[in-house]
Amino acid sequence: MKIAIILGSVRENRRSVNVAKLLNELLKKRGGVEVELLDLKEYSFPVMEERLRFLKNPPDGMIDFSATLDSADGIIIVSPEYNGSFSGVLKNTLDYFKDEYFKKAVGVVTVSSGSLGGVNASHHLLSWALHVKAIPSPFKLMVQNVDDLFNEDGELSDNDLGDRSEKFLKEFLWLTESLSIKE
């Protein structure tokens, strides 16, 4: 099973990167799961003027990004909450693609420094997933007070988040596997 994790933050001192790396490591420890972390900071896609399929000269990395999404059985999206929604850079990137999401499991992970864990961003990502005809997992992972959960080296210092991450992944992988059954 192939899983793509999209890290939807490029900001300096971003905290969601720790959560994305945690999920990446937890998935790598599972048998039969191949995972690729797509860090938007490494891509720098321009402001979207047209979907990838209509571009004559797509930006560097976009064809590979699309191929990773297309070959994935499931996609996990990790985003901070900015101004009551998911990050603008993530929205910009997601809009380049559409067919790549069709009937795929999508797991929503939101991150905030506050106590609500990005609840508004999670609602908007679920709505987006339905619009592009993906299948959003009903089990979300909302990470609140992220500044207190990792040490300076980005290592997890909170067992509760580790446990919640494992539960989220268990349910997400169940959905992904269920959707991957070929007729």
Protein backbone atom coordinates (compact mmCIF):
# COMPACT_ATOMS: atom_id res chain seq x y z
CA MET A 1 0.00 0.00 0.00
CA LYS A 2 1.31 3.45 -0.94
CA ILE A 3 0.63 6.52 1.18
CA ALA A 4 1.51 10.12 0.31
CA ILE A 5 1.76 12.66 3.13
CA ILE A 6 1.40 16.28 2.06
CA LEU A 7 2.97 18.75 4.49
CA GLY A 8 1.03 21.97 3.96
CA SER A 9 3.27 24.55 5.61
CA VAL A 10 6.31 26.45 4.39
CA ARG A 11 6.50 28.98 7.20
CA GLU A 12 9.68 29.56 9.21
CA ASN A 13 9.63 27.80 12.58
CA ARG A 14 6.72 25.67 11.42
CA ARG A 15 5.55 23.05 13.93
CA SER A 16 3.42 20.91 11.64
CA VAL A 17 6.62 19.47 10.16
CA ASN A 18 7.16 17.55 13.41
CA VAL A 19 3.71 16.00 13.14
CA ALA A 20 4.21 15.06 9.47
CA LYS A 21 7.58 13.47 10.27
CA LEU A 22 6.04 11.55 13.18
CA LEU A 23 3.34 10.10 10.92
CA ASN A 24 5.95 9.32 8.26
CA GLU A 25 8.06 7.38 10.77
CA LEU A 26 5.08 5.52 12.24
CA LEU A 27 3.98 4.46 8.76
CA LYS A 28 7.48 3.31 7.80
CA LYS A 29 7.49 0.96 10.81
CA ARG A 30 4.40 -0.84 9.50
CA GLY A 31 4.81 -3.76 7.17
CA GLY A 32 3.45 -3.44 3.67
CA VAL A 33 3.27 0.35 3.69
CA GLU A 34 5.34 2.55 1.40
CA VAL A 35 5.23 6.23 2.30
CA GLU A 36 6.41 9.43 0.65
CA LEU A 37 6.46 12.80 2.38
CA LEU A 38 5.69 15.69 0.01
CA ASP A 39 6.97 18.80 1.79
CA LEU A 40 5.58 21.90 0.04
CA LYS A 41 8.66 23.83 1.17
CA GLU A 42 10.65 21.78 -1.35
CA TYR A 43 8.42 22.62 -4.31
CA SER A 44 7.66 26.36 -4.42
CA PHE A 45 4.83 26.06 -6.94
CA PRO A 46 3.71 29.44 -8.29
CA VAL A 47 0.22 30.82 -7.73
CA MET A 48 -2.10 28.52 -9.64
CA GLU A 49 -3.34 29.91 -12.93
CA GLU A 50 -4.51 26.61 -14.40
CA ARG A 51 -4.69 22.92 -13.43
CA LEU A 52 -1.70 20.76 -14.28
CA ARG A 53 -3.45 18.91 -17.09
CA PHE A 54 -3.90 22.20 -19.00
CA LEU A 55 -0.38 23.56 -18.48
CA LYS A 56 2.01 23.53 -21.44
CA ASN A 57 5.08 24.07 -19.24
CA PRO A 58 4.38 22.85 -15.72
CA PRO A 59 6.61 24.08 -12.89
CA ASP A 60 9.56 21.94 -11.81
CA GLY A 61 8.50 19.01 -9.70
CA MET A 62 4.81 19.19 -10.54
CA ILE A 63 4.76 16.12 -12.79
CA ASP A 64 6.49 14.06 -10.08
CA PHE A 65 4.16 15.44 -7.41
CA SER A 66 1.18 14.44 -9.54
CA ALA A 67 2.61 10.97 -10.17
CA THR A 68 3.12 10.44 -6.43
CA LEU A 69 -0.48 11.43 -5.71
CA ASP A 70 -1.78 9.34 -8.59
CA SER A 71 0.09 6.19 -7.53
CA ALA A 72 -0.84 6.59 -3.85
CA ASP A 73 -3.60 4.45 -2.43
CA GLY A 74 -4.23 7.09 0.24
CA ILE A 75 -3.23 10.67 1.00
CA ILE A 76 -2.69 12.24 4.41
CA ILE A 77 -2.79 16.02 4.53
CA VAL A 78 -1.06 17.80 7.42
CA SER A 79 -1.84 21.50 7.76
CA PRO A 80 -1.64 24.20 10.36
CA GLU A 81 -4.67 26.37 10.89
CA TYR A 82 -4.17 29.88 9.56
CA ASN A 83 -6.92 32.46 10.01
CA GLY A 84 -9.62 29.84 10.49
CA SER A 85 -8.74 27.55 7.61
CA PHE A 86 -5.96 25.44 6.16
CA SER A 87 -2.83 27.09 4.77
CA GLY A 88 -2.92 29.11 1.58
CA VAL A 89 0.12 27.34 0.13
CA LEU A 90 -1.68 24.03 0.62
CA LYS A 91 -4.84 25.28 -1.10
CA ASN A 92 -2.75 26.60 -3.98
CA THR A 93 -1.01 23.24 -4.40
CA LEU A 94 -4.12 21.09 -4.03
CA ASP A 95 -5.90 23.10 -6.73
CA TYR A 96 -3.34 22.13 -9.39
CA PHE A 97 -4.67 18.58 -9.28
CA LYS A 98 -8.08 16.89 -9.34
CA ASP A 99 -8.19 13.45 -10.94
CA GLU A 100 -5.36 12.34 -8.64
CA TYR A 101 -7.77 12.43 -5.66
CA PHE A 102 -10.72 10.56 -7.19
CA LYS A 103 -12.03 7.79 -4.89
CA LYS A 104 -8.88 7.91 -2.74
CA ALA A 105 -8.79 7.83 1.03
CA VAL A 106 -7.81 11.19 2.47
CA GLY A 107 -6.72 11.57 6.07
CA VAL A 108 -6.93 15.01 7.66
CA VAL A 109 -4.39 16.13 10.24
CA THR A 110 -4.52 19.69 11.56
CA VAL A 111 -2.12 21.43 13.88
CA SER A 112 -2.36 24.52 16.06
CA SER A 113 -0.55 26.21 18.90
CA GLY A 114 -3.90 26.71 20.59
CA SER A 115 -6.29 24.38 22.35
CA LEU A 116 -8.63 23.59 19.44
CA GLY A 117 -6.14 21.72 17.24
CA GLY A 118 -7.13 23.35 13.97
CA VAL A 119 -10.80 22.35 14.06
CA ASN A 120 -11.77 24.94 11.42
CA ALA A 121 -9.00 23.81 9.08
CA SER A 122 -10.14 20.20 9.51
CA HIS A 123 -13.72 21.09 8.52
CA HIS A 124 -12.52 22.95 5.43
CA LEU A 125 -10.23 20.07 4.39
CA LEU A 126 -13.07 17.57 4.76
CA SER A 127 -15.29 19.78 2.61
CA TRP A 128 -12.52 20.09 0.00
CA ALA A 129 -12.01 16.30 -0.06
CA LEU A 130 -15.69 15.70 -0.73
CA HIS A 131 -15.70 18.30 -3.49
CA VAL A 132 -12.84 16.59 -5.38
CA LYS A 133 -14.59 13.22 -4.91
CA ALA A 134 -12.01 11.81 -2.52
CA ILE A 135 -13.16 9.71 0.43
CA PRO A 136 -12.27 11.51 3.67
CA SER A 137 -11.64 9.40 6.70
CA PRO A 138 -14.14 10.18 9.47
CA PHE A 139 -11.24 9.82 11.92
CA LYS A 140 -9.24 13.05 12.04
CA LEU A 141 -6.11 13.86 13.99
CA MET A 142 -6.25 17.34 15.48
CA VAL A 143 -3.05 18.32 17.25
CA GLN A 144 -3.52 21.08 19.81
CA ASN A 145 -0.81 22.93 21.75
CA VAL A 146 1.81 21.63 19.31
CA ASP A 147 4.53 23.83 20.82
CA ASP A 148 4.46 21.64 23.95
CA LEU A 149 4.57 18.21 22.25
CA PHE A 150 8.06 18.05 20.74
CA ASN A 151 11.51 18.94 22.05
CA GLU A 152 13.94 21.33 20.29
CA ASP A 153 15.18 18.47 18.08
CA GLY A 154 11.66 17.70 16.85
CA GLU A 155 11.38 14.51 18.91
CA LEU A 156 8.01 13.60 20.36
CA SER A 157 7.79 14.26 24.09
CA ASP A 158 4.06 13.48 24.50
CA ASN A 159 2.86 9.87 24.69
CA ASP A 160 -0.78 10.87 24.18
CA LEU A 161 -0.04 12.26 20.71
CA GLY A 162 1.83 9.08 19.85
CA ASP A 163 -1.17 6.97 20.89
CA ARG A 164 -3.66 9.20 19.07
CA SER A 165 -1.48 9.13 15.94
CA GLU A 166 -1.42 5.32 15.98
CA LYS A 167 -5.23 5.20 16.31
CA PHE A 168 -5.65 7.70 13.47
CA LEU A 169 -3.31 5.69 11.22
CA LYS A 170 -5.05 2.41 12.04
CA GLU A 171 -8.41 3.81 10.92
CA PHE A 172 -6.96 5.63 7.91
CA LEU A 173 -5.15 2.51 6.70
CA TRP A 174 -8.30 0.42 7.15
CA LEU A 175 -10.21 2.87 4.93
CA THR A 176 -7.38 3.01 2.40
CA GLU A 177 -7.18 -0.77 2.18
CA SER A 178 -10.96 -1.07 1.90
CA LEU A 179 -11.02 1.37 -1.01
CA SER A 180 -8.07 -0.34 -2.72
CA ILE A 181 -9.86 -3.66 -3.14
CA LYS A 182 -10.09 -4.23 -6.87
CA GLU A 183 -13.32 -5.46 -8.43
